[in-house]
């Protein structure tokens, strides 16, 4: 298992978290996602390393910005 953490800016509520979760969970190989508007963190686990650019693009599609923590 691989765990990867990102800082996400712009999230303010549960709806924001859900939007990010829906986009990131579409990435092949993602096993679980923990996203928090309160802390501005996105932590995902996967069987293999997930391309950072894919995660950043998914978060961007949800309307937010992410950087690898």
PDB file of N, CA and C in Angstrom:
ATOM      1  N   UNK A   1       0.831  -1.194   0.000  1.00  0.00           N
ATOM      2  CA  UNK A   1       0.000   0.000   0.000  1.00  0.00           C
ATOM      3  C   UNK A   1       0.869   1.248   0.000  1.00  0.00           C
ATOM      4  N   UNK A   2       0.436   2.234  -0.737  1.00  0.00           N
ATOM      5  CA  UNK A   2       1.109   3.525  -0.795  1.00  0.00           C
ATOM      6  C   UNK A   2       0.154   4.593  -0.279  1.00  0.00           C
ATOM      7  N   UNK A   3       0.633   5.471   0.585  1.00  0.00           N
ATOM      8  CA  UNK A   3      -0.165   6.589   1.087  1.00  0.00           C
ATOM      9  C   UNK A   3       0.456   7.878   0.575  1.00  0.00           C
ATOM     10  N   UNK A   4      -0.385   8.745   0.023  1.00  0.00           N
ATOM     11  CA  UNK A   4       0.077  10.013  -0.533  1.00  0.00           C
ATOM     12  C   UNK A   4      -0.780  11.136   0.023  1.00  0.00           C
ATOM     13  N   UNK A   5      -0.142  12.243   0.383  1.00  0.00           N
ATOM     14  CA  UNK A   5      -0.863  13.369   0.964  1.00  0.00           C
ATOM     15  C   UNK A   5      -0.694  14.620   0.108  1.00  0.00           C
ATOM     16  N   UNK A   6      -1.795  15.366  -0.018  1.00  0.00           N
ATOM     17  CA  UNK A   6      -1.812  16.625  -0.755  1.00  0.00           C
ATOM     18  C   UNK A   6      -2.443  17.692   0.121  1.00  0.00           C
ATOM     19  N   UNK A   7      -2.019  18.936  -0.083  1.00  0.00           N
ATOM     20  CA  UNK A   7      -2.690  20.086   0.510  1.00  0.00           C
ATOM     21  C   UNK A   7      -3.644  20.625  -0.550  1.00  0.00           C
ATOM     22  N   UNK A   8      -4.881  20.862  -0.148  1.00  0.00           N
ATOM     23  CA  UNK A   8      -5.905  21.352  -1.073  1.00  0.00           C
ATOM     24  C   UNK A   8      -6.394  22.702  -0.566  1.00  0.00           C
ATOM     25  N   UNK A   9      -6.394  23.696  -1.447  1.00  0.00           N
ATOM     26  CA  UNK A   9      -6.873  25.020  -1.062  1.00  0.00           C
ATOM     27  C   UNK A   9      -8.223  25.295  -1.708  1.00  0.00           C
ATOM     28  N   UNK A  10      -9.023  26.082  -0.999  1.00  0.00           N
ATOM     29  CA  UNK A  10     -10.313  26.514  -1.527  1.00  0.00           C
ATOM     30  C   UNK A  10     -11.507  25.767  -0.966  1.00  0.00           C
ATOM     31  N   UNK A  11     -11.287  24.644  -0.293  1.00  0.00           N
ATOM     32  CA  UNK A  11     -12.414  23.896   0.272  1.00  0.00           C
ATOM     33  C   UNK A  11     -12.897  24.578   1.546  1.00  0.00           C
ATOM     34  N   UNK A  12     -14.229  24.653   1.696  1.00  0.00           N
ATOM     35  CA  UNK A  12     -14.781  25.296   2.886  1.00  0.00           C
ATOM     36  C   UNK A  12     -15.862  24.479   3.585  1.00  0.00           C
ATOM     37  N   UNK A  13     -16.317  23.381   2.958  1.00  0.00           N
ATOM     38  CA  UNK A  13     -17.461  22.665   3.538  1.00  0.00           C
ATOM     39  C   UNK A  13     -17.491  21.201   3.093  1.00  0.00           C
ATOM     40  N   UNK A  14     -18.478  20.493   3.577  1.00  0.00           N
ATOM     41  CA  UNK A  14     -18.655  19.097   3.222  1.00  0.00           C
ATOM     42  C   UNK A  14     -18.913  18.884   1.743  1.00  0.00           C
ATOM     43  N   UNK A  15     -19.608  19.805   1.118  1.00  0.00           N
ATOM     44  CA  UNK A  15     -19.862  19.692  -0.324  1.00  0.00           C
ATOM     45  C   UNK A  15     -18.552  19.763  -1.102  1.00  0.00           C
ATOM     46  N   UNK A  16     -17.651  20.627  -0.659  1.00  0.00           N
ATOM     47  CA  UNK A  16     -16.330  20.732  -1.282  1.00  0.00           C
ATOM     48  C   UNK A  16     -15.591  19.398  -1.167  1.00  0.00           C
ATOM     49  N   UNK A  17     -15.624  18.815   0.031  1.00  0.00           N
ATOM     50  CA  UNK A  17     -14.977  17.527   0.251  1.00  0.00           C
ATOM     51  C   UNK A  17     -15.545  16.462  -0.684  1.00  0.00           C
ATOM     52  N   UNK A  18     -16.865  16.441  -0.817  1.00  0.00           N
ATOM     53  CA  UNK A  18     -17.519  15.460  -1.668  1.00  0.00           C
ATOM     54  C   UNK A  18     -17.116  15.641  -3.135  1.00  0.00           C
ATOM     55  N   UNK A  19     -17.017  16.879  -3.571  1.00  0.00           N
ATOM     56  CA  UNK A  19     -16.622  17.149  -4.956  1.00  0.00           C
ATOM     57  C   UNK A  19     -15.219  16.622  -5.240  1.00  0.00           C
ATOM     58  N   UNK A  20     -14.295  16.874  -4.318  1.00  0.00           N
ATOM     59  CA  UNK A  20     -12.919  16.392  -4.473  1.00  0.00           C
ATOM     60  C   UNK A  20     -12.904  14.869  -4.449  1.00  0.00           C
ATOM     61  N   UNK A  21     -13.607  14.275  -3.495  1.00  0.00           N
ATOM     62  CA  UNK A  21     -13.653  12.817  -3.370  1.00  0.00           C
ATOM     63  C   UNK A  21     -14.175  12.170  -4.659  1.00  0.00           C
ATOM     64  N   UNK A  22     -15.242  12.711  -5.214  1.00  0.00           N
ATOM     65  CA  UNK A  22     -15.832  12.139  -6.429  1.00  0.00           C
ATOM     66  C   UNK A  22     -14.859  12.158  -7.598  1.00  0.00           C
ATOM     67  N   UNK A  23     -14.085  13.200  -7.726  1.00  0.00           N
ATOM     68  CA  UNK A  23     -13.123  13.283  -8.829  1.00  0.00           C
ATOM     69  C   UNK A  23     -11.919  12.361  -8.607  1.00  0.00           C
ATOM     70  N   UNK A  24     -11.378  12.367  -7.391  1.00  0.00           N
ATOM     71  CA  UNK A  24     -10.169  11.587  -7.112  1.00  0.00           C
ATOM     72  C   UNK A  24     -10.455  10.090  -7.138  1.00  0.00           C
ATOM     73  N   UNK A  25     -11.647   9.676  -6.700  1.00  0.00           N
ATOM     74  CA  UNK A  25     -11.942   8.250  -6.667  1.00  0.00           C
ATOM     75  C   UNK A  25     -12.055   7.637  -8.062  1.00  0.00           C
ATOM     76  N   UNK A  26     -12.112   8.460  -9.088  1.00  0.00           N
ATOM     77  CA  UNK A  26     -12.164   7.968 -10.464  1.00  0.00           C
ATOM     78  C   UNK A  26     -10.783   7.577 -10.998  1.00  0.00           C
ATOM     79  N   UNK A  27      -9.736   7.923 -10.276  1.00  0.00           N
ATOM     80  CA  UNK A  27      -8.375   7.591 -10.701  1.00  0.00           C
ATOM     81  C   UNK A  27      -8.141   6.103 -10.450  1.00  0.00           C
ATOM     82  N   UNK A  28      -7.700   5.416 -11.480  1.00  0.00           N
ATOM     83  CA  UNK A  28      -7.452   3.976 -11.366  1.00  0.00           C
ATOM     84  C   UNK A  28      -6.413   3.692 -10.288  1.00  0.00           C
ATOM     85  N   UNK A  29      -6.715   2.721  -9.436  1.00  0.00           N
ATOM     86  CA  UNK A  29      -5.777   2.303  -8.406  1.00  0.00           C
ATOM     87  C   UNK A  29      -6.012   2.908  -7.041  1.00  0.00           C
ATOM     88  N   UNK A  30      -6.840   3.950  -6.947  1.00  0.00           N
ATOM     89  CA  UNK A  30      -7.106   4.577  -5.655  1.00  0.00           C
ATOM     90  C   UNK A  30      -7.968   3.625  -4.827  1.00  0.00           C
ATOM     91  N   UNK A  31      -7.498   3.308  -3.622  1.00  0.00           N
ATOM     92  CA  UNK A  31      -8.201   2.387  -2.726  1.00  0.00           C
ATOM     93  C   UNK A  31      -9.092   3.132  -1.731  1.00  0.00           C
ATOM     94  N   UNK A  32      -8.553   4.191  -1.121  1.00  0.00           N
ATOM     95  CA  UNK A  32      -9.340   4.957  -0.155  1.00  0.00           C
ATOM     96  C   UNK A  32      -8.901   6.419  -0.185  1.00  0.00           C
ATOM     97  N   UNK A  33      -9.827   7.280   0.239  1.00  0.00           N
ATOM     98  CA  UNK A  33      -9.589   8.721   0.218  1.00  0.00           C
ATOM     99  C   UNK A  33     -10.070   9.318   1.528  1.00  0.00           C
ATOM    100  N   UNK A  34      -9.255  10.173   2.120  1.00  0.00           N
ATOM    101  CA  UNK A  34      -9.651  10.957   3.285  1.00  0.00           C
ATOM    102  C   UNK A  34      -9.418  12.410   2.910  1.00  0.00           C
ATOM    103  N   UNK A  35     -10.486  13.185   2.883  1.00  0.00           N
ATOM    104  CA  UNK A  35     -10.362  14.593   2.502  1.00  0.00           C
ATOM    105  C   UNK A  35     -11.053  15.439   3.559  1.00  0.00           C
ATOM    106  N   UNK A  36     -10.403  16.542   3.964  1.00  0.00           N
ATOM    107  CA  UNK A  36     -10.930  17.396   5.014  1.00  0.00           C
ATOM    108  C   UNK A  36     -10.816  18.865   4.623  1.00  0.00           C
ATOM    109  N   UNK A  37     -11.953  19.526   4.587  1.00  0.00           N
ATOM    110  CA  UNK A  37     -11.952  20.964   4.323  1.00  0.00           C
ATOM    111  C   UNK A  37     -11.340  21.708   5.508  1.00  0.00           C
ATOM    112  N   UNK A  38     -11.556  21.194   6.701  1.00  0.00           N
ATOM    113  CA  UNK A  38     -11.058  21.852   7.905  1.00  0.00           C
ATOM    114  C   UNK A  38      -9.536  21.915   7.932  1.00  0.00           C
ATOM    115  N   UNK A  39      -8.890  20.818   7.555  1.00  0.00           N
ATOM    116  CA  UNK A  39      -7.420  20.789   7.585  1.00  0.00           C
ATOM    117  C   UNK A  39      -6.802  21.105   6.232  1.00  0.00           C
ATOM    118  N   UNK A  40      -7.611  21.060   5.162  1.00  0.00           N
ATOM    119  CA  UNK A  40      -7.092  21.294   3.821  1.00  0.00           C
ATOM    120  C   UNK A  40      -6.223  20.156   3.327  1.00  0.00           C
ATOM    121  N   UNK A  41      -6.510  18.942   3.810  1.00  0.00           N
ATOM    122  CA  UNK A  41      -5.695  17.774   3.451  1.00  0.00           C
ATOM    123  C   UNK A  41      -6.494  16.755   2.640  1.00  0.00           C
ATOM    124  N   UNK A  42      -5.794  16.127   1.734  1.00  0.00           N
ATOM    125  CA  UNK A  42      -6.299  14.989   0.977  1.00  0.00           C
ATOM    126  C   UNK A  42      -5.270  13.881   1.137  1.00  0.00           C
ATOM    127  N   UNK A  43      -5.682  12.760   1.696  1.00  0.00           N
ATOM    128  CA  UNK A  43      -4.792  11.615   1.863  1.00  0.00           C
ATOM    129  C   UNK A  43      -5.427  10.455   1.114  1.00  0.00           C
ATOM    130  N   UNK A  44      -4.646   9.850   0.212  1.00  0.00           N
ATOM    131  CA  UNK A  44      -5.182   8.704  -0.509  1.00  0.00           C
ATOM    132  C   UNK A  44      -4.255   7.522  -0.369  1.00  0.00           C
ATOM    133  N   UNK A  45      -4.839   6.354  -0.376  1.00  0.00           N
ATOM    134  CA  UNK A  45      -4.059   5.123  -0.357  1.00  0.00           C
ATOM    135  C   UNK A  45      -4.349   4.356  -1.633  1.00  0.00           C
ATOM    136  N   UNK A  46      -3.326   3.657  -2.090  1.00  0.00           N
ATOM    137  CA  UNK A  46      -3.442   2.916  -3.343  1.00  0.00           C
ATOM    138  C   UNK A  46      -2.519   1.705  -3.294  1.00  0.00           C
ATOM    139  N   UNK A  47      -2.758   0.774  -4.197  1.00  0.00           N
ATOM    140  CA  UNK A  47      -1.917  -0.415  -4.284  1.00  0.00           C
ATOM    141  C   UNK A  47      -0.537  -0.075  -4.853  1.00  0.00           C
ATOM    142  N   UNK A  48      -0.490   0.945  -5.697  1.00  0.00           N
ATOM    143  CA  UNK A  48       0.759   1.376  -6.326  1.00  0.00           C
ATOM    144  C   UNK A  48       0.789   2.902  -6.325  1.00  0.00           C
ATOM    145  N   UNK A  49       1.926   3.466  -6.601  1.00  0.00           N
ATOM    146  CA  UNK A  49       2.056   4.928  -6.629  1.00  0.00           C
ATOM    147  C   UNK A  49       1.130   5.524  -7.689  1.00  0.00           C
ATOM    148  N   UNK A  50       0.421   6.558  -7.309  1.00  0.00           N
ATOM    149  CA  UNK A  50      -0.474   7.278  -8.220  1.00  0.00           C
ATOM    150  C   UNK A  50       0.265   8.524  -8.693  1.00  0.00           C
ATOM    151  N   UNK A  51       0.161   8.819  -9.981  1.00  0.00           N
ATOM    152  CA  UNK A  51       0.801   9.990 -10.557  1.00  0.00           C
ATOM    153  C   UNK A  51       0.258  11.263  -9.907  1.00  0.00           C
ATOM    154  N   UNK A  52       1.150  12.080  -9.346  1.00  0.00           N
ATOM    155  CA  UNK A  52       0.737  13.333  -8.708  1.00  0.00           C
ATOM    156  C   UNK A  52      -0.074  14.206  -9.652  1.00  0.00           C
ATOM    157  N   UNK A  53       0.329  14.274 -10.910  1.00  0.00           N
ATOM    158  CA  UNK A  53      -0.377  15.115 -11.878  1.00  0.00           C
ATOM    159  C   UNK A  53      -1.818  14.677 -12.071  1.00  0.00           C
ATOM    160  N   UNK A  54      -2.088  13.377 -11.980  1.00  0.00           N
ATOM    161  CA  UNK A  54      -3.455  12.871 -12.117  1.00  0.00           C
ATOM    162  C   UNK A  54      -4.313  13.341 -10.947  1.00  0.00           C
ATOM    163  N   UNK A  55      -3.746  13.318  -9.747  1.00  0.00           N
ATOM    164  CA  UNK A  55      -4.483  13.765  -8.564  1.00  0.00           C
ATOM    165  C   UNK A  55      -4.710  15.266  -8.638  1.00  0.00           C
ATOM    166  N   UNK A  56      -3.674  16.006  -8.991  1.00  0.00           N
ATOM    167  CA  UNK A  56      -3.795  17.465  -9.101  1.00  0.00           C
ATOM    168  C   UNK A  56      -4.836  17.842 -10.150  1.00  0.00           C
ATOM    169  N   UNK A  57      -4.857  17.142 -11.270  1.00  0.00           N
ATOM    170  CA  UNK A  57      -5.849  17.403 -12.327  1.00  0.00           C
ATOM    171  C   UNK A  57      -7.259  17.088 -11.838  1.00  0.00           C
ATOM    172  N   UNK A  58      -7.427  16.010 -11.079  1.00  0.00           N
ATOM    173  CA  UNK A  58      -8.748  15.647 -10.563  1.00  0.00           C
ATOM    174  C   UNK A  58      -9.250  16.697  -9.582  1.00  0.00           C
ATOM    175  N   UNK A  59      -8.374  17.166  -8.704  1.00  0.00           N
ATOM    176  CA  UNK A  59      -8.755  18.207  -7.743  1.00  0.00           C
ATOM    177  C   UNK A  59      -9.087  19.495  -8.491  1.00  0.00           C
ATOM    178  N   UNK A  60      -8.313  19.809  -9.516  1.00  0.00           N
ATOM    179  CA  UNK A  60      -8.583  20.980 -10.348  1.00  0.00           C
ATOM    180  C   UNK A  60      -9.956  20.869 -11.010  1.00  0.00           C
ATOM    181  N   UNK A  61     -10.294  19.678 -11.486  1.00  0.00           N
ATOM    182  CA  UNK A  61     -11.598  19.449 -12.121  1.00  0.00           C
ATOM    183  C   UNK A  61     -12.736  19.710 -11.131  1.00  0.00           C
ATOM    184  N   UNK A  62     -12.485  19.425  -9.847  1.00  0.00           N
ATOM    185  CA  UNK A  62     -13.487  19.689  -8.815  1.00  0.00           C
ATOM    186  C   UNK A  62     -13.575  21.171  -8.466  1.00  0.00           C
ATOM    187  N   UNK A  63     -12.602  21.958  -8.928  1.00  0.00           N
ATOM    188  CA  UNK A  63     -12.642  23.402  -8.705  1.00  0.00           C
ATOM    189  C   UNK A  63     -11.696  23.905  -7.631  1.00  0.00           C
ATOM    190  N   UNK A  64     -10.716  23.087  -7.240  1.00  0.00           N
ATOM    191  CA  UNK A  64      -9.796  23.451  -6.166  1.00  0.00           C
ATOM    192  C   UNK A  64      -8.366  23.268  -6.635  1.00  0.00           C
ATOM    193  N   UNK A  65      -7.410  23.633  -5.799  1.00  0.00           N
ATOM    194  CA  UNK A  65      -5.994  23.507  -6.123  1.00  0.00           C
ATOM    195  C   UNK A  65      -5.334  22.558  -5.134  1.00  0.00           C
ATOM    196  N   UNK A  66      -4.442  21.717  -5.651  1.00  0.00           N
ATOM    197  CA  UNK A  66      -3.736  20.771  -4.789  1.00  0.00           C
ATOM    198  C   UNK A  66      -2.248  20.809  -5.084  1.00  0.00           C
ATOM    199  N   UNK A  67      -1.455  20.575  -4.042  1.00  0.00           N
ATOM    200  CA  UNK A  67      -0.015  20.394  -4.161  1.00  0.00           C
ATOM    201  C   UNK A  67       0.381  19.233  -3.267  1.00  0.00           C
ATOM    202  N   UNK A  68       1.380  18.489  -3.673  1.00  0.00           N
ATOM    203  CA  UNK A  68       1.852  17.359  -2.872  1.00  0.00           C
ATOM    204  C   UNK A  68       2.412  17.878  -1.563  1.00  0.00           C
ATOM    205  N   UNK A  69       2.005  17.276  -0.476  1.00  0.00           N
ATOM    206  CA  UNK A  69       2.464  17.705   0.853  1.00  0.00           C
ATOM    207  C   UNK A  69       3.771  17.013   1.196  1.00  0.00           C
TER     208      UNK A  69
END
